[in-house]
Amino acid sequence: MYAAGSRGHSPAFLQPQNGNGHRSPGYVPGKVVPLRPAPPPKNHASAKLTSRSQDAPATFAFSPEEQRTPSESRKRKRHKNTFICFAITSFSFFVALAVILGISSKYAPDENCPDQNPRLRNWDPGQDSAKHIVIKEGDLFRLTSDATVDSIVIQDGGLLVFGDDKDGSKNITLRTRYILIQDGGALHIGAEKC
C-alpha cells in the first residue's frame, strides 16, 4: 500500500494491518517469480540434431500451395470477395427488376380498353342542343357523362372515347343529330372486355 508523504509528493510504503495483506499462498518476500513456465530441458539427442543442422544447409520441400506468398493469398482472397459481391449485386438487381416489372404490369392499362389511355382528357360538353363540336388533331377526349349537342365532327388525329366503368354502370348517353368521322379520326364506344 502506498500513502502520500507529508508534503504529498512521494509515496511512502505502509505495512498492512493484519500482517499478510493481499499476498497469495506461497509468497516469499524478495523472490522474483517468472510469469511463464521455464523452457523444457534439452536432451542429448536434440543437442546432436542442432549441431548437425548448423553444419549442413537445410533443404525443405514445400507443396505449391505453401510456396505462395502472402500477397498472392491476399490477391486470391480479394478476387474471390469481388466475385461474391458481384454475384450478390447482380442477383439483387434481377430480383428488384422482376418485382418492378411484375408490379408495373399489374397496374398497366389494358390495351383492349381504349378509355384507360393515360393521354385522354376527361371531357364534358354539357347539355346544349345547338352546339357544334369539332374534335381536331391532338384532341383526345374521354366522355365521362351524358351530353347533348347538335353535331360532332371528328377530324384526322382526333379521338373520342366513351369512358364507362368495367361493369357498364355509368350508362353514358350522347344525344346528337349526327357524328361525322373523317378519315383518320376515331370514335370508341366500348370494347368487349371493358
N, C-alpha and C. Protein backbone atom coordinates (compact mmCIF):
# COMPACT_ATOMS: atom_id res chain seq x y z
N MET A 1 0.84 -1.17 0.00
CA MET A 1 0.00 0.00 0.00
C MET A 1 0.88 1.23 0.00
N TYR A 2 0.40 2.25 -0.63
CA TYR A 2 1.14 3.49 -0.69
C TYR A 2 0.30 4.61 -0.12
N ALA A 3 0.96 5.57 0.50
CA ALA A 3 0.26 6.74 1.02
C ALA A 3 1.11 7.95 0.69
N ALA A 4 0.49 9.09 0.53
CA ALA A 4 1.23 10.30 0.19
C ALA A 4 2.05 10.73 1.39
N GLY A 5 3.25 11.24 1.12
CA GLY A 5 4.12 11.70 2.20
C GLY A 5 3.57 12.97 2.84
N SER A 6 4.36 13.50 3.74
CA SER A 6 3.89 14.68 4.46
C SER A 6 3.71 15.86 3.53
N ARG A 7 4.51 15.91 2.48
CA ARG A 7 4.36 17.01 1.54
C ARG A 7 3.41 16.66 0.39
N GLY A 8 3.04 15.40 0.26
CA GLY A 8 2.10 14.99 -0.78
C GLY A 8 2.76 14.67 -2.10
N HIS A 9 4.12 14.60 -2.13
CA HIS A 9 4.79 14.39 -3.40
C HIS A 9 5.19 12.94 -3.61
N SER A 10 5.87 12.33 -2.68
CA SER A 10 6.36 10.97 -2.90
C SER A 10 5.56 9.99 -2.06
N PRO A 11 5.29 8.79 -2.61
CA PRO A 11 4.54 7.80 -1.84
C PRO A 11 5.44 7.12 -0.81
N ALA A 12 4.83 6.74 0.27
CA ALA A 12 5.55 6.01 1.33
C ALA A 12 4.89 4.66 1.50
N PHE A 13 5.70 3.61 1.72
CA PHE A 13 5.17 2.27 1.89
C PHE A 13 4.61 2.11 3.29
N LEU A 14 3.38 1.57 3.38
CA LEU A 14 2.77 1.30 4.67
C LEU A 14 2.58 -0.19 4.82
N GLN A 15 2.87 -0.74 5.99
CA GLN A 15 2.68 -2.16 6.25
C GLN A 15 1.20 -2.44 6.42
N PRO A 16 0.73 -3.59 5.93
CA PRO A 16 -0.67 -3.95 6.14
C PRO A 16 -0.94 -4.19 7.62
N GLN A 17 -2.18 -3.95 8.04
CA GLN A 17 -2.56 -4.04 9.44
C GLN A 17 -2.62 -5.48 9.92
N ASN A 18 -3.12 -6.41 9.12
CA ASN A 18 -3.31 -7.78 9.58
C ASN A 18 -2.08 -8.65 9.40
N GLY A 19 -1.03 -8.19 8.84
CA GLY A 19 0.20 -8.96 8.78
C GLY A 19 0.46 -9.56 7.41
N ASN A 20 -0.51 -10.21 6.76
CA ASN A 20 -0.19 -10.83 5.47
C ASN A 20 -0.79 -10.07 4.28
N GLY A 21 -1.68 -9.16 4.48
CA GLY A 21 -2.23 -8.32 3.41
C GLY A 21 -2.92 -9.12 2.32
N HIS A 22 -2.62 -8.81 1.08
CA HIS A 22 -3.24 -9.47 -0.07
C HIS A 22 -2.26 -10.39 -0.74
N ARG A 23 -1.46 -11.10 0.00
CA ARG A 23 -0.45 -11.97 -0.57
C ARG A 23 -1.06 -13.32 -0.93
N SER A 24 -0.56 -13.87 -2.01
CA SER A 24 -1.03 -15.19 -2.41
C SER A 24 -0.27 -16.25 -1.64
N PRO A 25 -0.82 -17.49 -1.53
CA PRO A 25 -0.10 -18.54 -0.83
C PRO A 25 1.19 -18.88 -1.57
N GLY A 26 2.20 -19.16 -0.86
CA GLY A 26 3.50 -19.46 -1.45
C GLY A 26 4.33 -18.22 -1.72
N TYR A 27 3.91 -17.09 -1.21
CA TYR A 27 4.64 -15.84 -1.41
C TYR A 27 5.86 -15.81 -0.51
N VAL A 28 6.99 -15.50 -1.11
CA VAL A 28 8.23 -15.34 -0.34
C VAL A 28 8.73 -13.93 -0.63
N PRO A 29 8.92 -13.12 0.42
CA PRO A 29 9.37 -11.75 0.16
C PRO A 29 10.74 -11.73 -0.50
N GLY A 30 10.85 -10.92 -1.55
CA GLY A 30 12.10 -10.74 -2.25
C GLY A 30 12.34 -11.73 -3.37
N LYS A 31 11.51 -12.75 -3.53
CA LYS A 31 11.71 -13.74 -4.59
C LYS A 31 10.96 -13.30 -5.84
N VAL A 32 11.63 -13.33 -6.99
CA VAL A 32 11.01 -12.98 -8.27
C VAL A 32 10.53 -14.26 -8.92
N VAL A 33 9.28 -14.29 -9.29
CA VAL A 33 8.68 -15.47 -9.89
C VAL A 33 8.42 -15.17 -11.37
N PRO A 34 8.85 -16.04 -12.30
CA PRO A 34 8.60 -15.79 -13.73
C PRO A 34 7.10 -15.94 -14.05
N LEU A 35 6.67 -15.17 -15.05
CA LEU A 35 5.26 -15.21 -15.44
C LEU A 35 4.95 -16.37 -16.36
N ARG A 36 5.92 -16.90 -17.08
CA ARG A 36 5.68 -18.03 -17.96
C ARG A 36 6.54 -19.21 -17.52
N PRO A 37 6.15 -20.41 -17.86
CA PRO A 37 6.92 -21.57 -17.42
C PRO A 37 8.28 -21.60 -18.11
N ALA A 38 9.21 -22.25 -17.45
CA ALA A 38 10.56 -22.38 -17.99
C ALA A 38 10.54 -23.28 -19.21
N PRO A 39 11.47 -23.09 -20.15
CA PRO A 39 11.51 -23.95 -21.33
C PRO A 39 11.87 -25.37 -20.94
N PRO A 40 11.44 -26.36 -21.71
CA PRO A 40 11.75 -27.75 -21.38
C PRO A 40 13.26 -27.99 -21.48
N PRO A 41 13.78 -28.86 -20.63
CA PRO A 41 15.23 -29.11 -20.66
C PRO A 41 15.62 -29.81 -21.95
N LYS A 42 16.80 -29.50 -22.45
CA LYS A 42 17.28 -30.11 -23.69
C LYS A 42 17.84 -31.49 -23.38
N ASN A 43 17.50 -32.44 -24.22
CA ASN A 43 18.10 -33.76 -24.03
C ASN A 43 19.28 -33.91 -24.99
N HIS A 44 19.98 -34.99 -24.88
CA HIS A 44 21.22 -35.18 -25.64
C HIS A 44 20.96 -35.32 -27.14
N ALA A 45 19.85 -35.97 -27.55
CA ALA A 45 19.54 -36.19 -28.96
C ALA A 45 19.26 -34.87 -29.67
N SER A 46 18.55 -33.98 -29.01
CA SER A 46 18.25 -32.70 -29.66
C SER A 46 19.50 -31.85 -29.79
N ALA A 47 20.48 -32.03 -28.88
CA ALA A 47 21.73 -31.28 -28.99
C ALA A 47 22.51 -31.73 -30.21
N LYS A 48 22.52 -33.04 -30.50
CA LYS A 48 23.20 -33.55 -31.68
C LYS A 48 22.53 -33.05 -32.95
N LEU A 49 21.21 -33.00 -32.97
CA LEU A 49 20.46 -32.56 -34.14
C LEU A 49 20.76 -31.10 -34.45
N THR A 50 20.85 -30.28 -33.42
CA THR A 50 21.13 -28.87 -33.66
C THR A 50 22.55 -28.68 -34.16
N SER A 51 23.51 -29.49 -33.68
CA SER A 51 24.89 -29.32 -34.15
C SER A 51 25.01 -29.77 -35.60
N ARG A 52 24.30 -30.81 -35.99
CA ARG A 52 24.32 -31.28 -37.37
C ARG A 52 23.66 -30.26 -38.30
N SER A 53 22.56 -29.67 -37.85
CA SER A 53 21.84 -28.72 -38.70
C SER A 53 22.65 -27.45 -38.91
N GLN A 54 23.55 -27.15 -38.00
CA GLN A 54 24.38 -25.97 -38.18
C GLN A 54 25.47 -26.24 -39.21
N ASP A 55 25.91 -27.51 -39.33
CA ASP A 55 26.98 -27.83 -40.27
C ASP A 55 26.50 -27.85 -41.72
N ALA A 56 25.34 -28.46 -41.99
CA ALA A 56 24.85 -28.60 -43.37
C ALA A 56 23.64 -27.69 -43.59
N PRO A 57 23.53 -27.09 -44.79
CA PRO A 57 22.36 -26.25 -45.06
C PRO A 57 21.10 -27.12 -45.14
N ALA A 58 20.03 -26.61 -44.62
CA ALA A 58 18.78 -27.37 -44.59
C ALA A 58 18.03 -27.18 -45.90
N THR A 59 17.42 -28.24 -46.38
CA THR A 59 16.57 -28.17 -47.57
C THR A 59 15.19 -28.64 -47.17
N PHE A 60 14.20 -27.90 -47.62
CA PHE A 60 12.81 -28.22 -47.29
C PHE A 60 12.02 -28.37 -48.57
N ALA A 61 11.06 -29.27 -48.56
CA ALA A 61 10.18 -29.46 -49.72
C ALA A 61 8.79 -28.97 -49.33
N PHE A 62 8.35 -27.93 -50.00
CA PHE A 62 7.02 -27.39 -49.74
C PHE A 62 6.11 -27.69 -50.92
N SER A 63 4.85 -27.84 -50.63
CA SER A 63 3.88 -28.01 -51.71
C SER A 63 3.69 -26.65 -52.40
N PRO A 64 3.16 -26.63 -53.62
CA PRO A 64 2.98 -25.35 -54.32
C PRO A 64 2.09 -24.38 -53.54
N GLU A 65 1.13 -24.89 -52.80
CA GLU A 65 0.25 -24.01 -52.03
C GLU A 65 1.01 -23.31 -50.91
N GLU A 66 2.01 -24.05 -50.31
CA GLU A 66 2.79 -23.46 -49.22
C GLU A 66 3.81 -22.45 -49.74
N GLN A 67 4.20 -22.56 -51.02
CA GLN A 67 5.20 -21.66 -51.58
C GLN A 67 4.62 -20.30 -51.97
N ARG A 68 3.31 -20.18 -52.03
CA ARG A 68 2.69 -18.91 -52.39
C ARG A 68 2.99 -17.87 -51.33
N THR A 69 3.21 -16.69 -51.77
CA THR A 69 3.48 -15.61 -50.83
C THR A 69 2.18 -15.09 -50.26
N PRO A 70 2.25 -14.40 -49.14
CA PRO A 70 1.02 -13.84 -48.55
C PRO A 70 0.32 -12.85 -49.48
N SER A 71 1.08 -12.16 -50.34
CA SER A 71 0.43 -11.21 -51.25
C SER A 71 -0.43 -11.95 -52.27
N GLU A 72 0.05 -13.10 -52.74
CA GLU A 72 -0.76 -13.90 -53.66
C GLU A 72 -2.02 -14.39 -52.97
N SER A 73 -1.88 -14.78 -51.73
CA SER A 73 -3.04 -15.25 -50.96
C SER A 73 -4.06 -14.13 -50.80
N ARG A 74 -3.57 -12.93 -50.48
CA ARG A 74 -4.48 -11.78 -50.35
C ARG A 74 -5.15 -11.45 -51.68
N LYS A 75 -4.36 -11.57 -52.76
CA LYS A 75 -4.90 -11.27 -54.09
C LYS A 75 -6.02 -12.26 -54.45
N ARG A 76 -5.80 -13.54 -54.16
CA ARG A 76 -6.83 -14.55 -54.45
C ARG A 76 -8.07 -14.31 -53.60
N LYS A 77 -7.86 -13.96 -52.33
CA LYS A 77 -8.99 -13.71 -51.43
C LYS A 77 -9.78 -12.49 -51.90
N ARG A 78 -9.07 -11.43 -52.32
CA ARG A 78 -9.74 -10.22 -52.81
C ARG A 78 -10.53 -10.54 -54.08
N HIS A 79 -9.93 -11.35 -54.97
CA HIS A 79 -10.62 -11.75 -56.20
C HIS A 79 -11.89 -12.54 -55.87
N LYS A 80 -11.79 -13.43 -54.91
CA LYS A 80 -12.95 -14.23 -54.50
C LYS A 80 -14.03 -13.33 -53.90
N ASN A 81 -13.63 -12.38 -53.04
CA ASN A 81 -14.60 -11.46 -52.44
C ASN A 81 -15.25 -10.58 -53.49
N THR A 82 -14.49 -10.13 -54.48
CA THR A 82 -15.05 -9.33 -55.56
C THR A 82 -16.09 -10.13 -56.33
N PHE A 83 -15.78 -11.37 -56.62
CA PHE A 83 -16.73 -12.22 -57.34
C PHE A 83 -18.01 -12.42 -56.53
N ILE A 84 -17.89 -12.66 -55.25
CA ILE A 84 -19.06 -12.86 -54.39
C ILE A 84 -19.91 -11.59 -54.35
N CYS A 85 -19.28 -10.43 -54.19
CA CYS A 85 -20.03 -9.16 -54.17
C CYS A 85 -20.73 -8.92 -55.49
N PHE A 86 -20.06 -9.20 -56.61
CA PHE A 86 -20.68 -9.02 -57.92
C PHE A 86 -21.88 -9.94 -58.07
N ALA A 87 -21.75 -11.18 -57.65
CA ALA A 87 -22.86 -12.14 -57.77
C ALA A 87 -24.06 -11.70 -56.93
N ILE A 88 -23.82 -11.25 -55.71
CA ILE A 88 -24.91 -10.80 -54.85
C ILE A 88 -25.58 -9.56 -55.42
N THR A 89 -24.79 -8.62 -55.93
CA THR A 89 -25.34 -7.40 -56.52
C THR A 89 -26.17 -7.72 -57.76
N SER A 90 -25.66 -8.59 -58.61
CA SER A 90 -26.40 -8.97 -59.82
C SER A 90 -27.71 -9.66 -59.46
N PHE A 91 -27.66 -10.56 -58.51
CA PHE A 91 -28.88 -11.26 -58.10
C PHE A 91 -29.90 -10.27 -57.55
N SER A 92 -29.45 -9.34 -56.71
CA SER A 92 -30.36 -8.34 -56.15
C SER A 92 -30.97 -7.47 -57.24
N PHE A 93 -30.17 -7.10 -58.23
CA PHE A 93 -30.67 -6.27 -59.34
C PHE A 93 -31.77 -7.01 -60.09
N PHE A 94 -31.55 -8.28 -60.42
CA PHE A 94 -32.55 -9.01 -61.18
C PHE A 94 -33.81 -9.28 -60.37
N VAL A 95 -33.68 -9.49 -59.07
CA VAL A 95 -34.86 -9.66 -58.23
C VAL A 95 -35.67 -8.36 -58.19
N ALA A 96 -34.98 -7.23 -58.01
CA ALA A 96 -35.67 -5.93 -57.99
C ALA A 96 -36.33 -5.65 -59.34
N LEU A 97 -35.65 -5.97 -60.43
CA LEU A 97 -36.21 -5.76 -61.76
C LEU A 97 -37.47 -6.61 -61.96
N ALA A 98 -37.44 -7.86 -61.51
CA ALA A 98 -38.61 -8.73 -61.64
C ALA A 98 -39.78 -8.20 -60.83
N VAL A 99 -39.51 -7.71 -59.62
CA VAL A 99 -40.58 -7.16 -58.78
C VAL A 99 -41.18 -5.92 -59.44
N ILE A 100 -40.34 -5.03 -59.94
CA ILE A 100 -40.83 -3.80 -60.57
C ILE A 100 -41.65 -4.11 -61.81
N LEU A 101 -41.16 -5.02 -62.65
CA LEU A 101 -41.91 -5.37 -63.85
C LEU A 101 -43.22 -6.07 -63.51
N GLY A 102 -43.21 -6.88 -62.47
CA GLY A 102 -44.44 -7.56 -62.06
C GLY A 102 -45.49 -6.58 -61.56
N ILE A 103 -45.05 -5.59 -60.79
CA ILE A 103 -45.99 -4.59 -60.27
C ILE A 103 -46.49 -3.70 -61.39
N SER A 104 -45.58 -3.27 -62.29
CA SER A 104 -46.00 -2.35 -63.35
C SER A 104 -46.95 -3.03 -64.33
N SER A 105 -46.76 -4.32 -64.58
CA SER A 105 -47.68 -4.99 -65.50
C SER A 105 -49.05 -5.18 -64.85
N LYS A 106 -49.09 -5.27 -63.53
CA LYS A 106 -50.38 -5.42 -62.85
C LYS A 106 -51.21 -4.15 -62.96
N TYR A 107 -50.54 -2.99 -62.87
CA TYR A 107 -51.25 -1.72 -62.89
C TYR A 107 -51.23 -1.04 -64.26
N ALA A 108 -50.66 -1.69 -65.26
CA ALA A 108 -50.61 -1.10 -66.60
C ALA A 108 -52.02 -1.10 -67.20
N PRO A 109 -52.33 -0.07 -67.97
CA PRO A 109 -53.66 -0.04 -68.59
C PRO A 109 -53.80 -1.16 -69.61
N ASP A 110 -55.01 -1.67 -69.71
CA ASP A 110 -55.30 -2.73 -70.65
C ASP A 110 -55.38 -2.13 -72.05
N GLU A 111 -54.64 -2.70 -73.00
CA GLU A 111 -54.64 -2.17 -74.37
C GLU A 111 -55.98 -2.39 -75.05
N ASN A 112 -56.75 -3.33 -74.57
CA ASN A 112 -58.06 -3.59 -75.16
C ASN A 112 -59.13 -2.63 -74.66
N CYS A 113 -58.81 -1.81 -73.68
CA CYS A 113 -59.76 -0.84 -73.13
C CYS A 113 -59.29 0.56 -73.51
N PRO A 114 -59.85 1.15 -74.56
CA PRO A 114 -59.35 2.45 -75.02
C PRO A 114 -59.57 3.58 -74.01
N ASP A 115 -60.52 3.44 -73.10
CA ASP A 115 -60.77 4.52 -72.13
C ASP A 115 -59.71 4.57 -71.03
N GLN A 116 -58.80 3.59 -70.98
CA GLN A 116 -57.72 3.59 -69.99
C GLN A 116 -56.44 4.24 -70.50
N ASN A 117 -56.49 4.82 -71.68
CA ASN A 117 -55.33 5.51 -72.24
C ASN A 117 -55.00 6.72 -71.37
N PRO A 118 -53.78 6.83 -70.83
CA PRO A 118 -53.44 7.94 -69.94
C PRO A 118 -53.37 9.30 -70.65
N ARG A 119 -53.31 9.31 -71.98
CA ARG A 119 -53.25 10.58 -72.71
C ARG A 119 -54.62 11.23 -72.88
N LEU A 120 -55.68 10.49 -72.59
CA LEU A 120 -57.04 11.04 -72.75
C LEU A 120 -57.34 12.06 -71.67
N ARG A 121 -58.06 13.12 -72.05
CA ARG A 121 -58.53 14.12 -71.09
C ARG A 121 -60.04 13.94 -70.91
N ASN A 122 -60.48 14.04 -69.66
CA ASN A 122 -61.92 13.94 -69.40
C ASN A 122 -62.62 15.11 -70.09
N TRP A 123 -63.78 14.83 -70.67
CA TRP A 123 -64.49 15.83 -71.47
C TRP A 123 -65.97 15.78 -71.14
N ASP A 124 -66.54 16.95 -70.89
CA ASP A 124 -67.98 17.07 -70.63
C ASP A 124 -68.50 18.27 -71.42
N PRO A 125 -69.08 18.05 -72.62
CA PRO A 125 -69.54 19.17 -73.44
C PRO A 125 -70.81 19.85 -72.92
N GLY A 126 -71.49 19.21 -71.99
CA GLY A 126 -72.68 19.83 -71.41
C GLY A 126 -73.96 19.46 -72.16
N GLN A 127 -75.03 20.26 -71.91
CA GLN A 127 -76.36 19.99 -72.48
C GLN A 127 -76.79 21.19 -73.33
N ASP A 128 -76.22 21.36 -74.51
CA ASP A 128 -76.56 22.46 -75.41
C ASP A 128 -76.87 21.86 -76.77
N SER A 129 -78.15 21.80 -77.13
CA SER A 129 -78.56 21.15 -78.38
C SER A 129 -78.19 21.95 -79.62
N ALA A 130 -77.72 23.18 -79.50
CA ALA A 130 -77.32 23.98 -80.66
C ALA A 130 -75.80 24.00 -80.84
N LYS A 131 -75.08 23.32 -80.03
CA LYS A 131 -73.61 23.37 -80.05
C LYS A 131 -73.06 22.43 -81.12
N HIS A 132 -72.12 22.95 -81.97
CA HIS A 132 -71.42 22.15 -82.97
C HIS A 132 -70.00 21.90 -82.43
N ILE A 133 -69.63 20.64 -82.32
CA ILE A 133 -68.34 20.25 -81.75
C ILE A 133 -67.43 19.77 -82.87
N VAL A 134 -66.17 20.26 -82.89
CA VAL A 134 -65.16 19.78 -83.82
C VAL A 134 -63.98 19.27 -82.98
N ILE A 135 -63.69 18.00 -83.15
CA ILE A 135 -62.55 17.39 -82.46
C ILE A 135 -61.45 17.25 -83.50
N LYS A 136 -60.39 18.06 -83.34
CA LYS A 136 -59.33 18.10 -84.36
C LYS A 136 -58.11 17.29 -83.91
N GLU A 137 -57.06 17.33 -84.74
CA GLU A 137 -55.84 16.56 -84.46
C GLU A 137 -55.24 16.96 -83.12
N GLY A 138 -54.91 15.97 -82.31
CA GLY A 138 -54.33 16.20 -80.99
C GLY A 138 -55.37 16.24 -79.88
N ASP A 139 -56.65 16.35 -80.23
CA ASP A 139 -57.72 16.32 -79.22
C ASP A 139 -58.04 14.86 -78.91
N LEU A 140 -57.74 14.45 -77.71
CA LEU A 140 -58.01 13.08 -77.27
C LEU A 140 -58.92 13.18 -76.05
N PHE A 141 -60.24 12.93 -76.26
CA PHE A 141 -61.23 13.15 -75.22
C PHE A 141 -61.83 11.85 -74.73
N ARG A 142 -62.13 11.83 -73.42
CA ARG A 142 -62.86 10.73 -72.78
C ARG A 142 -64.18 11.31 -72.29
N LEU A 143 -65.29 10.90 -72.89
CA LEU A 143 -66.62 11.38 -72.49
C LEU A 143 -66.99 10.68 -71.19
N THR A 144 -67.19 11.47 -70.10
CA THR A 144 -67.39 10.88 -68.78
C THR A 144 -68.81 11.04 -68.26
N SER A 145 -69.65 11.81 -68.98
CA SER A 145 -71.03 12.00 -68.51
C SER A 145 -71.96 12.20 -69.71
N ASP A 146 -73.25 12.20 -69.46
CA ASP A 146 -74.24 12.40 -70.54
C ASP A 146 -74.03 13.76 -71.18
N ALA A 147 -74.32 13.83 -72.50
CA ALA A 147 -74.15 15.09 -73.23
C ALA A 147 -75.21 15.19 -74.32
N THR A 148 -75.57 16.46 -74.64
CA THR A 148 -76.50 16.74 -75.74
C THR A 148 -75.90 17.87 -76.57
N VAL A 149 -75.62 17.58 -77.86
CA VAL A 149 -75.07 18.58 -78.78
C VAL A 149 -75.76 18.42 -80.13
N ASP A 150 -75.58 19.44 -81.02
CA ASP A 150 -76.19 19.36 -82.35
C ASP A 150 -75.41 18.39 -83.23
N SER A 151 -74.06 18.54 -83.29
CA SER A 151 -73.26 17.68 -84.16
C SER A 151 -71.84 17.55 -83.61
N ILE A 152 -71.21 16.45 -84.02
CA ILE A 152 -69.81 16.21 -83.64
C ILE A 152 -69.07 15.82 -84.92
N VAL A 153 -67.95 16.52 -85.19
CA VAL A 153 -67.08 16.18 -86.31
C VAL A 153 -65.72 15.80 -85.73
N ILE A 154 -65.30 14.58 -86.03
CA ILE A 154 -64.00 14.09 -85.54
C ILE A 154 -63.05 14.07 -86.73
N GLN A 155 -62.08 15.00 -86.73
CA GLN A 155 -61.15 15.12 -87.85
C GLN A 155 -59.97 14.16 -87.69
N ASP A 156 -59.08 14.18 -88.70
CA ASP A 156 -57.89 13.33 -88.72
C ASP A 156 -57.03 13.59 -87.48
N GLY A 157 -56.74 12.55 -86.69
CA GLY A 157 -55.93 12.68 -85.48
C GLY A 157 -56.74 12.95 -84.23
N GLY A 158 -58.05 13.15 -84.37
CA GLY A 158 -58.91 13.37 -83.20
C GLY A 158 -59.45 12.05 -82.69
N LEU A 159 -59.81 12.01 -81.40
CA LEU A 159 -60.29 10.77 -80.79
C LEU A 159 -61.33 11.09 -79.73
N LEU A 160 -62.45 10.38 -79.78
CA LEU A 160 -63.49 10.49 -78.75
C LEU A 160 -63.78 9.08 -78.24
N VAL A 161 -63.66 8.91 -76.92
CA VAL A 161 -63.84 7.60 -76.29
C VAL A 161 -64.89 7.73 -75.20
N PHE A 162 -65.84 6.79 -75.16
CA PHE A 162 -66.81 6.73 -74.07
C PHE A 162 -66.10 6.11 -72.86
N GLY A 163 -66.08 6.82 -71.75
CA GLY A 163 -65.37 6.37 -70.55
C GLY A 163 -66.29 5.76 -69.53
N ASP A 164 -66.81 4.57 -69.81
CA ASP A 164 -67.70 3.88 -68.88
C ASP A 164 -66.90 3.00 -67.93
N ASP A 165 -67.54 2.52 -66.87
CA ASP A 165 -66.91 1.58 -65.95
C ASP A 165 -66.80 0.21 -66.59
N LYS A 166 -66.03 -0.69 -65.94
CA LYS A 166 -65.90 -2.04 -66.47
C LYS A 166 -67.23 -2.78 -66.48
N ASP A 167 -68.04 -2.52 -65.48
CA ASP A 167 -69.34 -3.21 -65.42
C ASP A 167 -70.42 -2.45 -66.19
N GLY A 168 -70.10 -1.30 -66.78
CA GLY A 168 -71.06 -0.55 -67.59
C GLY A 168 -72.11 0.17 -66.77
N SER A 169 -71.79 0.55 -65.55
CA SER A 169 -72.79 1.14 -64.66
C SER A 169 -73.04 2.62 -64.92
N LYS A 170 -72.16 3.30 -65.66
CA LYS A 170 -72.37 4.73 -65.89
C LYS A 170 -73.50 5.00 -66.89
N ASN A 171 -73.66 4.12 -67.87
CA ASN A 171 -74.70 4.29 -68.90
C ASN A 171 -74.66 5.70 -69.50
N ILE A 172 -73.54 6.05 -70.11
CA ILE A 172 -73.37 7.37 -70.71
C ILE A 172 -74.22 7.46 -71.98
N THR A 173 -74.97 8.55 -72.08
CA THR A 173 -75.84 8.78 -73.23
C THR A 173 -75.37 10.04 -73.96
N LEU A 174 -75.17 9.92 -75.29
CA LEU A 174 -74.80 11.06 -76.12
C LEU A 174 -75.93 11.31 -77.10
N ARG A 175 -76.57 12.49 -77.00
CA ARG A 175 -77.66 12.86 -77.92
C ARG A 175 -77.12 13.88 -78.92
N THR A 176 -77.24 13.56 -80.20
CA THR A 176 -76.77 14.44 -81.26
C THR A 176 -77.52 14.12 -82.55
N ARG A 177 -77.54 15.09 -83.47
CA ARG A 177 -78.20 14.83 -84.76
C ARG A 177 -77.32 13.94 -85.61
N TYR A 178 -75.99 14.20 -85.62
CA TYR A 178 -75.09 13.35 -86.41
C TYR A 178 -73.67 13.42 -85.85
N ILE A 179 -72.90 12.39 -86.17
CA ILE A 179 -71.47 12.32 -85.84
C ILE A 179 -70.75 12.02 -87.15
N LEU A 180 -69.84 12.92 -87.56
CA LEU A 180 -69.07 12.74 -88.78
C LEU A 180 -67.63 12.39 -88.37
N ILE A 181 -67.19 11.21 -88.82
CA ILE A 181 -65.82 10.77 -88.52
C ILE A 181 -65.05 10.83 -89.83
N GLN A 182 -64.17 11.81 -89.93
CA GLN A 182 -63.38 11.95 -91.15
C GLN A 182 -62.24 10.94 -91.15
N ASP A 183 -61.58 10.80 -92.31
CA ASP A 183 -60.50 9.84 -92.46
C ASP A 183 -59.39 10.11 -91.44
N GLY A 184 -59.09 9.13 -90.59
CA GLY A 184 -58.05 9.27 -89.57
C GLY A 184 -58.60 9.61 -88.20
N GLY A 185 -59.87 9.98 -88.10
CA GLY A 185 -60.49 10.23 -86.80
C GLY A 185 -60.97 8.92 -86.20
N ALA A 186 -61.33 8.93 -84.91
CA ALA A 186 -61.75 7.69 -84.26
C ALA A 186 -62.79 7.97 -83.18
N LEU A 187 -63.76 7.05 -83.07
CA LEU A 187 -64.78 7.08 -82.03
C LEU A 187 -64.84 5.68 -81.43
N HIS A 188 -64.55 5.58 -80.12
CA HIS A 188 -64.61 4.29 -79.43
C HIS A 188 -65.76 4.35 -78.44
N ILE A 189 -66.73 3.47 -78.66
CA ILE A 189 -67.89 3.44 -77.77
C ILE A 189 -67.70 2.41 -76.67
N GLY A 190 -66.99 1.36 -76.94
CA GLY A 190 -66.76 0.34 -75.92
C GLY A 190 -65.92 -0.78 -76.48
N ALA A 191 -65.58 -1.71 -75.62
CA ALA A 191 -64.82 -2.88 -76.02
C ALA A 191 -65.41 -4.09 -75.31
N GLU A 192 -65.21 -5.24 -75.88
CA GLU A 192 -65.81 -6.45 -75.34
C GLU A 192 -65.35 -6.75 -73.92
N LYS A 193 -64.09 -6.52 -73.61
CA LYS A 193 -63.55 -6.85 -72.29
C LYS A 193 -63.70 -5.72 -71.29
N CYS A 194 -64.11 -4.54 -71.72
CA CYS A 194 -64.16 -3.40 -70.80
C CYS A 194 -65.60 -3.07 -70.42
